PDB file of N, CA and C in Angstrom:
ATOM      1  N   MET A   1       0.842  -1.192   0.000  1.00  0.00           N
ATOM      2  CA  MET A   1       0.000   0.000   0.000  1.00  0.00           C
ATOM      3  C   MET A   1       0.882   1.249   0.000  1.00  0.00           C
ATOM      4  N   GLU A   2       0.542   2.199  -0.820  1.00  0.00           N
ATOM      5  CA  GLU A   2       1.288   3.445  -0.898  1.00  0.00           C
ATOM      6  C   GLU A   2       1.008   4.307   0.329  1.00  0.00           C
ATOM      7  N   LYS A   3       2.033   4.934   0.832  1.00  0.00           N
ATOM      8  CA  LYS A   3       1.869   5.800   1.996  1.00  0.00           C
ATOM      9  C   LYS A   3       1.160   7.090   1.607  1.00  0.00           C
ATOM     10  N   GLN A   4       0.290   7.546   2.503  1.00  0.00           N
ATOM     11  CA  GLN A   4      -0.456   8.782   2.285  1.00  0.00           C
ATOM     12  C   GLN A   4      -0.386   9.594   3.577  1.00  0.00           C
ATOM     13  N   PRO A   5       0.588  10.495   3.693  1.00  0.00           N
ATOM     14  CA  PRO A   5       0.744  11.271   4.925  1.00  0.00           C
ATOM     15  C   PRO A   5      -0.510  12.066   5.268  1.00  0.00           C
ATOM     16  N   ALA A   6      -0.861  12.056   6.534  1.00  0.00           N
ATOM     17  CA  ALA A   6      -2.053  12.767   6.992  1.00  0.00           C
ATOM     18  C   ALA A   6      -1.905  13.163   8.448  1.00  0.00           C
ATOM     19  N   ILE A   7      -2.622  14.217   8.816  1.00  0.00           N
ATOM     20  CA  ILE A   7      -2.789  14.555  10.227  1.00  0.00           C
ATOM     21  C   ILE A   7      -4.266  14.372  10.518  1.00  0.00           C
ATOM     22  N   TYR A   8      -4.580  14.144  11.788  1.00  0.00           N
ATOM     23  CA  TYR A   8      -5.973  13.900  12.137  1.00  0.00           C
ATOM     24  C   TYR A   8      -6.239  14.371  13.561  1.00  0.00           C
ATOM     25  N   ILE A   9      -7.518  14.655  13.811  1.00  0.00           N
ATOM     26  CA  ILE A   9      -7.953  14.981  15.164  1.00  0.00           C
ATOM     27  C   ILE A   9      -9.082  14.026  15.520  1.00  0.00           C
ATOM     28  N   LEU A  10      -8.917  13.366  16.654  1.00  0.00           N
ATOM     29  CA  LEU A  10      -9.952  12.506  17.208  1.00  0.00           C
ATOM     30  C   LEU A  10     -10.574  13.228  18.391  1.00  0.00           C
ATOM     31  N   ALA A  11     -11.840  12.917  18.665  1.00  0.00           N
ATOM     32  CA  ALA A  11     -12.536  13.504  19.805  1.00  0.00           C
ATOM     33  C   ALA A  11     -13.291  12.420  20.556  1.00  0.00           C
ATOM     34  N   SER A  12     -13.492  12.648  21.842  1.00  0.00           N
ATOM     35  CA  SER A  12     -14.275  11.713  22.647  1.00  0.00           C
ATOM     36  C   SER A  12     -15.767  11.924  22.399  1.00  0.00           C
ATOM     37  N   GLN A  13     -16.133  13.167  22.097  1.00  0.00           N
ATOM     38  CA  GLN A  13     -17.513  13.565  21.801  1.00  0.00           C
ATOM     39  C   GLN A  13     -17.456  15.012  21.327  1.00  0.00           C
ATOM     40  N   ARG A  14     -18.580  15.585  20.961  1.00  0.00           N
ATOM     41  CA  ARG A  14     -18.595  16.986  20.554  1.00  0.00           C
ATOM     42  C   ARG A  14     -18.046  17.847  21.692  1.00  0.00           C
ATOM     43  N   ASN A  15     -17.080  18.702  21.365  1.00  0.00           N
ATOM     44  CA  ASN A  15     -16.417  19.583  22.339  1.00  0.00           C
ATOM     45  C   ASN A  15     -15.758  18.822  23.478  1.00  0.00           C
ATOM     46  N   GLY A  16     -15.447  17.554  23.262  1.00  0.00           N
ATOM     47  CA  GLY A  16     -14.831  16.731  24.301  1.00  0.00           C
ATOM     48  C   GLY A  16     -13.314  16.759  24.222  1.00  0.00           C
ATOM     49  N   THR A  17     -12.723  15.715  24.750  1.00  0.00           N
ATOM     50  CA  THR A  17     -11.265  15.558  24.743  1.00  0.00           C
ATOM     51  C   THR A  17     -10.789  15.380  23.310  1.00  0.00           C
ATOM     52  N   LEU A  18      -9.685  16.053  22.957  1.00  0.00           N
ATOM     53  CA  LEU A  18      -9.130  15.993  21.605  1.00  0.00           C
ATOM     54  C   LEU A  18      -7.772  15.317  21.593  1.00  0.00           C
ATOM     55  N   TYR A  19      -7.470  14.655  20.485  1.00  0.00           N
ATOM     56  CA  TYR A  19      -6.168  14.039  20.257  1.00  0.00           C
ATOM     57  C   TYR A  19      -5.734  14.380  18.842  1.00  0.00           C
ATOM     58  N   VAL A  20      -4.532  14.887  18.684  1.00  0.00           N
ATOM     59  CA  VAL A  20      -3.975  15.219  17.370  1.00  0.00           C
ATOM     60  C   VAL A  20      -2.875  14.221  17.053  1.00  0.00           C
ATOM     61  N   GLY A  21      -2.930  13.638  15.859  1.00  0.00           N
ATOM     62  CA  GLY A  21      -1.922  12.662  15.470  1.00  0.00           C
ATOM     63  C   GLY A  21      -1.492  12.824  14.029  1.00  0.00           C
ATOM     64  N   VAL A  22      -0.445  12.082  13.671  1.00  0.00           N
ATOM     65  CA  VAL A  22       0.084  12.067  12.310  1.00  0.00           C
ATOM     66  C   VAL A  22       0.286  10.607  11.920  1.00  0.00           C
ATOM     67  N   THR A  23       0.084  10.298  10.642  1.00  0.00           N
ATOM     68  CA  THR A  23       0.204   8.916  10.188  1.00  0.00           C
ATOM     69  C   THR A  23       0.507   8.867   8.700  1.00  0.00           C
ATOM     70  N   SER A  24       0.957   7.723   8.246  1.00  0.00           N
ATOM     71  CA  SER A  24       1.126   7.508   6.808  1.00  0.00           C
ATOM     72  C   SER A  24      -0.010   6.653   6.251  1.00  0.00           C
ATOM     73  N   ASN A  25      -0.913   6.191   7.122  1.00  0.00           N
ATOM     74  CA  ASN A  25      -2.050   5.378   6.702  1.00  0.00           C
ATOM     75  C   ASN A  25      -3.244   5.723   7.593  1.00  0.00           C
ATOM     76  N   LEU A  26      -4.026   6.700   7.174  1.00  0.00           N
ATOM     77  CA  LEU A  26      -5.108   7.240   7.998  1.00  0.00           C
ATOM     78  C   LEU A  26      -6.159   6.191   8.353  1.00  0.00           C
ATOM     79  N   VAL A  27      -6.602   5.414   7.389  1.00  0.00           N
ATOM     80  CA  VAL A  27      -7.642   4.411   7.648  1.00  0.00           C
ATOM     81  C   VAL A  27      -7.183   3.424   8.722  1.00  0.00           C
ATOM     82  N   LYS A  28      -5.980   2.892   8.535  1.00  0.00           N
ATOM     83  CA  LYS A  28      -5.457   1.904   9.483  1.00  0.00           C
ATOM     84  C   LYS A  28      -5.283   2.517  10.872  1.00  0.00           C
ATOM     85  N   ARG A  29      -4.724   3.703  10.925  1.00  0.00           N
ATOM     86  CA  ARG A  29      -4.436   4.308  12.226  1.00  0.00           C
ATOM     87  C   ARG A  29      -5.709   4.632  13.010  1.00  0.00           C
ATOM     88  N   VAL A  30      -6.720   5.178  12.330  1.00  0.00           N
ATOM     89  CA  VAL A  30      -7.979   5.484  13.015  1.00  0.00           C
ATOM     90  C   VAL A  30      -8.645   4.185  13.466  1.00  0.00           C
ATOM     91  N   TRP A  31      -8.595   3.146  12.633  1.00  0.00           N
ATOM     92  CA  TRP A  31      -9.140   1.846  13.016  1.00  0.00           C
ATOM     93  C   TRP A  31      -8.462   1.338  14.292  1.00  0.00           C
ATOM     94  N   GLU A  32      -7.146   1.506  14.375  1.00  0.00           N
ATOM     95  CA  GLU A  32      -6.421   1.091  15.573  1.00  0.00           C
ATOM     96  C   GLU A  32      -6.904   1.855  16.805  1.00  0.00           C
ATOM     97  N   HIS A  33      -7.105   3.159  16.658  1.00  0.00           N
ATOM     98  CA  HIS A  33      -7.634   3.957  17.776  1.00  0.00           C
ATOM     99  C   HIS A  33      -9.038   3.481  18.157  1.00  0.00           C
ATOM    100  N   LYS A  34      -9.899   3.285  17.177  1.00  0.00           N
ATOM    101  CA  LYS A  34     -11.287   2.894  17.435  1.00  0.00           C
ATOM    102  C   LYS A  34     -11.377   1.550  18.155  1.00  0.00           C
ATOM    103  N   ASN A  35     -10.431   0.682  17.888  1.00  0.00           N
ATOM    104  CA  ASN A  35     -10.436  -0.657  18.480  1.00  0.00           C
ATOM    105  C   ASN A  35      -9.493  -0.778  19.677  1.00  0.00           C
ATOM    106  N   ASP A  36      -9.085   0.365  20.218  1.00  0.00           N
ATOM    107  CA  ASP A  36      -8.220   0.418  21.417  1.00  0.00           C
ATOM    108  C   ASP A  36      -6.947  -0.407  21.280  1.00  0.00           C
ATOM    109  N   LEU A  37      -6.382  -0.427  20.070  1.00  0.00           N
ATOM    110  CA  LEU A  37      -5.113  -1.110  19.852  1.00  0.00           C
ATOM    111  C   LEU A  37      -3.931  -0.182  20.106  1.00  0.00           C
ATOM    112  N   VAL A  38      -4.217   1.105  20.267  1.00  0.00           N
ATOM    113  CA  VAL A  38      -3.185   2.093  20.534  1.00  0.00           C
ATOM    114  C   VAL A  38      -3.181   2.357  22.033  1.00  0.00           C
ATOM    115  N   ASP A  39      -2.131   1.924  22.688  1.00  0.00           N
ATOM    116  CA  ASP A  39      -2.033   2.120  24.132  1.00  0.00           C
ATOM    117  C   ASP A  39      -1.746   3.578  24.429  1.00  0.00           C
ATOM    118  N   GLY A  40      -2.375   4.115  25.435  1.00  0.00           N
ATOM    119  CA  GLY A  40      -2.071   5.477  25.832  1.00  0.00           C
ATOM    120  C   GLY A  40      -3.279   6.376  25.864  1.00  0.00           C
ATOM    121  N   PHE A  41      -3.070   7.608  25.438  1.00  0.00           N
ATOM    122  CA  PHE A  41      -4.049   8.681  25.600  1.00  0.00           C
ATOM    123  C   PHE A  41      -5.419   8.359  25.012  1.00  0.00           C
ATOM    124  N   SER A  42      -5.460   7.941  23.745  1.00  0.00           N
ATOM    125  CA  SER A  42      -6.761   7.740  23.098  1.00  0.00           C
ATOM    126  C   SER A  42      -7.559   6.626  23.767  1.00  0.00           C
ATOM    127  N   ARG A  43      -6.892   5.591  24.209  1.00  0.00           N
ATOM    128  CA  ARG A  43      -7.591   4.508  24.912  1.00  0.00           C
ATOM    129  C   ARG A  43      -8.033   4.972  26.294  1.00  0.00           C
ATOM    130  N   ARG A  44      -7.156   5.625  27.012  1.00  0.00           N
ATOM    131  CA  ARG A  44      -7.442   6.067  28.382  1.00  0.00           C
ATOM    132  C   ARG A  44      -8.614   7.037  28.438  1.00  0.00           C
ATOM    133  N   TYR A  45      -8.726   7.927  27.451  1.00  0.00           N
ATOM    134  CA  TYR A  45      -9.772   8.951  27.477  1.00  0.00           C
ATOM    135  C   TYR A  45     -10.915   8.699  26.494  1.00  0.00           C
ATOM    136  N   GLY A  46     -10.956   7.529  25.875  1.00  0.00           N
ATOM    137  CA  GLY A  46     -12.052   7.186  24.968  1.00  0.00           C
ATOM    138  C   GLY A  46     -12.176   8.111  23.775  1.00  0.00           C
ATOM    139  N   VAL A  47     -11.037   8.450  23.191  1.00  0.00           N
ATOM    140  CA  VAL A  47     -11.005   9.380  22.061  1.00  0.00           C
ATOM    141  C   VAL A  47     -10.992   8.549  20.780  1.00  0.00           C
ATOM    142  N   HIS A  48     -12.184   8.369  20.171  1.00  0.00           N
ATOM    143  CA  HIS A  48     -12.311   7.449  19.044  1.00  0.00           C
ATOM    144  C   HIS A  48     -12.972   8.033  17.803  1.00  0.00           C
ATOM    145  N   MET A  49     -13.542   9.215  17.880  1.00  0.00           N
ATOM    146  CA  MET A  49     -14.244   9.799  16.729  1.00  0.00           C
ATOM    147  C   MET A  49     -13.287  10.619  15.864  1.00  0.00           C
ATOM    148  N   LEU A  50     -13.201  10.277  14.586  1.00  0.00           N
ATOM    149  CA  LEU A  50     -12.409  11.077  13.653  1.00  0.00           C
ATOM    150  C   LEU A  50     -13.242  12.302  13.278  1.00  0.00           C
ATOM    151  N   VAL A  51     -12.803  13.473  13.735  1.00  0.00           N
ATOM    152  CA  VAL A  51     -13.587  14.688  13.486  1.00  0.00           C
ATOM    153  C   VAL A  51     -12.904  15.659  12.520  1.00  0.00           C
ATOM    154  N   TYR A  52     -11.627  15.414  12.200  1.00  0.00           N
ATOM    155  CA  TYR A  52     -10.897  16.306  11.292  1.00  0.00           C
ATOM    156  C   TYR A  52      -9.688  15.558  10.747  1.00  0.00           C
ATOM    157  N   TYR A  53      -9.359  15.824   9.493  1.00  0.00           N
ATOM    158  CA  TYR A  53      -8.104  15.296   8.942  1.00  0.00           C
ATOM    159  C   TYR A  53      -7.669  16.141   7.758  1.00  0.00           C
ATOM    160  N   GLU A  54      -6.399  16.064   7.462  1.00  0.00           N
ATOM    161  CA  GLU A  54      -5.804  16.696   6.284  1.00  0.00           C
ATOM    162  C   GLU A  54      -4.865  15.689   5.646  1.00  0.00           C
ATOM    163  N   ILE A  55      -4.918  15.564   4.346  1.00  0.00           N
ATOM    164  CA  ILE A  55      -3.976  14.746   3.583  1.00  0.00           C
ATOM    165  C   ILE A  55      -2.877  15.679   3.093  1.00  0.00           C
ATOM    166  N   LEU A  56      -1.628  15.283   3.290  1.00  0.00           N
ATOM    167  CA  LEU A  56      -0.501  16.121   2.881  1.00  0.00           C
ATOM    168  C   LEU A  56       0.381  15.384   1.879  1.00  0.00           C
ATOM    169  N   ASP A  57       1.262  16.124   1.239  1.00  0.00           N
ATOM    170  CA  ASP A  57       2.090  15.550   0.170  1.00  0.00           C
ATOM    171  C   ASP A  57       3.251  14.708   0.681  1.00  0.00           C
ATOM    172  N   THR A  58       3.839  15.125   1.800  1.00  0.00           N
ATOM    173  CA  THR A  58       4.997  14.406   2.325  1.00  0.00           C
ATOM    174  C   THR A  58       4.851  14.198   3.831  1.00  0.00           C
ATOM    175  N   MET A  59       5.580  13.229   4.343  1.00  0.00           N
ATOM    176  CA  MET A  59       5.557  12.986   5.781  1.00  0.00           C
ATOM    177  C   MET A  59       6.160  14.173   6.530  1.00  0.00           C
ATOM    178  N   ASP A  60       7.182  14.795   5.978  1.00  0.00           N
ATOM    179  CA  ASP A  60       7.761  15.980   6.622  1.00  0.00           C
ATOM    180  C   ASP A  60       6.710  17.087   6.759  1.00  0.00           C
ATOM    181  N   ALA A  61       5.917  17.291   5.710  1.00  0.00           N
ATOM    182  CA  ALA A  61       4.864  18.300   5.762  1.00  0.00           C
ATOM    183  C   ALA A  61       3.811  17.925   6.799  1.00  0.00           C
ATOM    184  N   ALA A  62       3.489  16.637   6.892  1.00  0.00           N
ATOM    185  CA  ALA A  62       2.498  16.171   7.864  1.00  0.00           C
ATOM    186  C   ALA A  62       2.993  16.383   9.292  1.00  0.00           C
ATOM    187  N   ILE A  63       4.246  16.065   9.539  1.00  0.00           N
ATOM    188  CA  ILE A  63       4.818  16.243  10.884  1.00  0.00           C
ATOM    189  C   ILE A  63       4.854  17.721  11.248  1.00  0.00           C
ATOM    190  N   THR A  64       5.238  18.560  10.307  1.00  0.00           N
ATOM    191  CA  THR A  64       5.250  20.010  10.546  1.00  0.00           C
ATOM    192  C   THR A  64       3.847  20.514  10.865  1.00  0.00           C
ATOM    193  N   ARG A  65       2.853  20.058  10.099  1.00  0.00           N
ATOM    194  CA  ARG A  65       1.471  20.488  10.320  1.00  0.00           C
ATOM    195  C   ARG A  65       0.951  19.990  11.672  1.00  0.00           C
ATOM    196  N   GLU A  66       1.283  18.749  12.032  1.00  0.00           N
ATOM    197  CA  GLU A  66       0.871  18.214  13.336  1.00  0.00           C
ATOM    198  C   GLU A  66       1.427  19.076  14.466  1.00  0.00           C
ATOM    199  N   LYS A  67       2.689  19.428  14.376  1.00  0.00           N
ATOM    200  CA  LYS A  67       3.313  20.273  15.409  1.00  0.00           C
ATOM    201  C   LYS A  67       2.641  21.635  15.471  1.00  0.00           C
ATOM    202  N   GLN A  68       2.291  22.187  14.309  1.00  0.00           N
ATOM    203  CA  GLN A  68       1.610  23.483  14.249  1.00  0.00           C
ATOM    204  C   GLN A  68       0.250  23.412  14.950  1.00  0.00           C
ATOM    205  N   ILE A  69      -0.507  22.363  14.662  1.00  0.00           N
ATOM    206  CA  ILE A  69      -1.828  22.211  15.279  1.00  0.00           C
ATOM    207  C   ILE A  69      -1.700  21.974  16.779  1.00  0.00           C
ATOM    208  N   LYS A  70      -0.785  21.105  17.179  1.00  0.00           N
ATOM    209  CA  LYS A  70      -0.597  20.827  18.606  1.00  0.00           C
ATOM    210  C   LYS A  70      -0.183  22.074  19.367  1.00  0.00           C
ATOM    211  N   ALA A  71       0.601  22.942  18.733  1.00  0.00           N
ATOM    212  CA  ALA A  71       1.066  24.164  19.394  1.00  0.00           C
ATOM    213  C   ALA A  71      -0.036  25.208  19.520  1.00  0.00           C
ATOM    214  N   GLY A  72      -1.075  25.069  18.720  1.00  0.00           N
ATOM    215  CA  GLY A  72      -2.171  26.028  18.743  1.00  0.00           C
ATOM    216  C   GLY A  72      -3.077  25.810  19.951  1.00  0.00           C
ATOM    217  N   SER A  73      -3.902  26.776  20.202  1.00  0.00           N
ATOM    218  CA  SER A  73      -4.827  26.706  21.332  1.00  0.00           C
ATOM    219  C   SER A  73      -5.956  25.719  21.042  1.00  0.00           C
ATOM    220  N   ARG A  74      -6.648  25.342  22.094  1.00  0.00           N
ATOM    221  CA  ARG A  74      -7.834  24.493  21.938  1.00  0.00           C
ATOM    222  C   ARG A  74      -8.859  25.198  21.047  1.00  0.00           C
ATOM    223  N   ALA A  75      -9.009  26.505  21.223  1.00  0.00           N
ATOM    224  CA  ALA A  75      -9.968  27.265  20.413  1.00  0.00           C
ATOM    225  C   ALA A  75      -9.638  27.147  18.924  1.00  0.00           C
ATOM    226  N   LYS A  76      -8.356  27.182  18.558  1.00  0.00           N
ATOM    227  CA  LYS A  76      -7.960  27.029  17.153  1.00  0.00           C
ATOM    228  C   LYS A  76      -8.306  25.637  16.642  1.00  0.00           C
ATOM    229  N   LYS A  77      -8.090  24.621  17.476  1.00  0.00           N
ATOM    230  CA  LYS A  77      -8.440  23.257  17.074  1.00  0.00           C
ATOM    231  C   LYS A  77      -9.948  23.141  16.856  1.00  0.00           C
ATOM    232  N   LEU A  78     -10.720  23.735  17.746  1.00  0.00           N
ATOM    233  CA  LEU A  78     -12.181  23.688  17.605  1.00  0.00           C
ATOM    234  C   LEU A  78     -12.628  24.391  16.320  1.00  0.00           C
ATOM    235  N   ARG A  79     -11.991  25.505  15.983  1.00  0.00           N
ATOM    236  CA  ARG A  79     -12.334  26.213  14.739  1.00  0.00           C
ATOM    237  C   ARG A  79     -12.013  25.366  13.511  1.00  0.00           C
ATOM    238  N   LEU A  80     -10.878  24.659  13.533  1.00  0.00           N
ATOM    239  CA  LEU A  80     -10.529  23.759  12.429  1.00  0.00           C
ATOM    240  C   LEU A  80     -11.610  22.699  12.249  1.00  0.00           C
ATOM    241  N   ILE A  81     -11.983  22.064  13.351  1.00  0.00           N
ATOM    242  CA  ILE A  81     -12.993  21.005  13.304  1.00  0.00           C
ATOM    243  C   ILE A  81     -14.308  21.559  12.775  1.00  0.00           C
ATOM    244  N   GLU A  82     -14.754  22.669  13.349  1.00  0.00           N
ATOM    245  CA  GLU A  82     -16.062  23.227  12.991  1.00  0.00           C
ATOM    246  C   GLU A  82     -16.106  23.698  11.537  1.00  0.00           C
ATOM    247  N   ALA A  83     -14.967  24.143  10.988  1.00  0.00           N
ATOM    248  CA  ALA A  83     -14.928  24.576   9.590  1.00  0.00           C
ATOM    249  C   ALA A  83     -15.125  23.389   8.636  1.00  0.00           C
ATOM    250  N   MET A  84     -14.542  22.242   8.965  1.00  0.00           N
ATOM    251  CA  MET A  84     -14.636  21.058   8.113  1.00  0.00           C
ATOM    252  C   MET A  84     -15.853  20.199   8.458  1.00  0.00           C
ATOM    253  N   ASN A  85     -16.208  20.175   9.726  1.00  0.00           N
ATOM    254  CA  ASN A  85     -17.175  19.203  10.227  1.00  0.00           C
ATOM    255  C   ASN A  85     -18.054  19.851  11.302  1.00  0.00           C
ATOM    256  N   PRO A  86     -18.922  20.797  10.912  1.00  0.00           N
ATOM    257  CA  PRO A  86     -19.692  21.561  11.895  1.00  0.00           C
ATOM    258  C   PRO A  86     -20.615  20.722  12.776  1.00  0.00           C
ATOM    259  N   ASP A  87     -21.008  19.547  12.306  1.00  0.00           N
ATOM    260  CA  ASP A  87     -21.885  18.681  13.101  1.00  0.00           C
ATOM    261  C   ASP A  87     -21.115  17.667  13.944  1.00  0.00           C
ATOM    262  N   TRP A  88     -19.808  17.717  13.880  1.00  0.00           N
ATOM    263  CA  TRP A  88     -18.948  16.807  14.631  1.00  0.00           C
ATOM    264  C   TRP A  88     -19.290  15.341  14.318  1.00  0.00           C
ATOM    265  N   ASN A  89     -19.539  15.045  13.049  1.00  0.00           N
ATOM    266  CA  ASN A  89     -19.789  13.655  12.660  1.00  0.00           C
ATOM    267  C   ASN A  89     -18.493  12.878  12.715  1.00  0.00           C
ATOM    268  N   ASP A  90     -18.590  11.570  12.944  1.00  0.00           N
ATOM    269  CA  ASP A  90     -17.428  10.700  12.859  1.00  0.00           C
ATOM    270  C   ASP A  90     -17.148  10.478  11.379  1.00  0.00           C
ATOM    271  N   LEU A  91     -16.015  10.968  10.890  1.00  0.00           N
ATOM    272  CA  LEU A  91     -15.672  10.935   9.469  1.00  0.00           C
ATOM    273  C   LEU A  91     -15.067   9.627   9.011  1.00  0.00           C
ATOM    274  N   TYR A  92     -14.905   8.668   9.901  1.00  0.00           N
ATOM    275  CA  TYR A  92     -14.239   7.423   9.557  1.00  0.00           C
ATOM    276  C   TYR A  92     -14.900   6.728   8.365  1.00  0.00           C
ATOM    277  N   ALA A  93     -16.224   6.652   8.362  1.00  0.00           N
ATOM    278  CA  ALA A  93     -16.925   5.961   7.270  1.00  0.00           C
ATOM    279  C   ALA A  93     -16.652   6.612   5.911  1.00  0.00           C
ATOM    280  N   SER A  94     -16.358   7.905   5.910  1.00  0.00           N
ATOM    281  CA  SER A  94     -16.106   8.596   4.640  1.00  0.00           C
ATOM    282  C   SER A  94     -14.708   8.360   4.094  1.00  0.00           C
ATOM    283  N   ILE A  95     -13.808   7.766   4.878  1.00  0.00           N
ATOM    284  CA  ILE A  95     -12.441   7.538   4.392  1.00  0.00           C
ATOM    285  C   ILE A  95     -12.154   6.070   4.088  1.00  0.00           C
ATOM    286  N   VAL A  96     -13.040   5.165   4.494  1.00  0.00           N
ATOM    287  CA  VAL A  96     -12.794   3.742   4.232  1.00  0.00           C
ATOM    288  C   VAL A  96     -13.300   3.323   2.877  1.00  0.00           C
TER     289      VAL A  96
END
């Protein structure tokens, strides 16, 4: 499978706990989070809904973008989500 760099934001619920990540395989990585195969934050806080993602050209660009989003305020993250996904739907079904 060809790598497809992406950043993503998972949420526990609307306006809930957020998790920002980077991956080369968005479908697989979100599936791992949803099935609690990823030990740590997302499992501990029940962060399983894909509410935002961006596909990027290179892994370096994805890592840079992830750092930019993580460095931003919670309010900025909420604005990103609401611009792409105002109803806070779980976007996983749209990427598989």
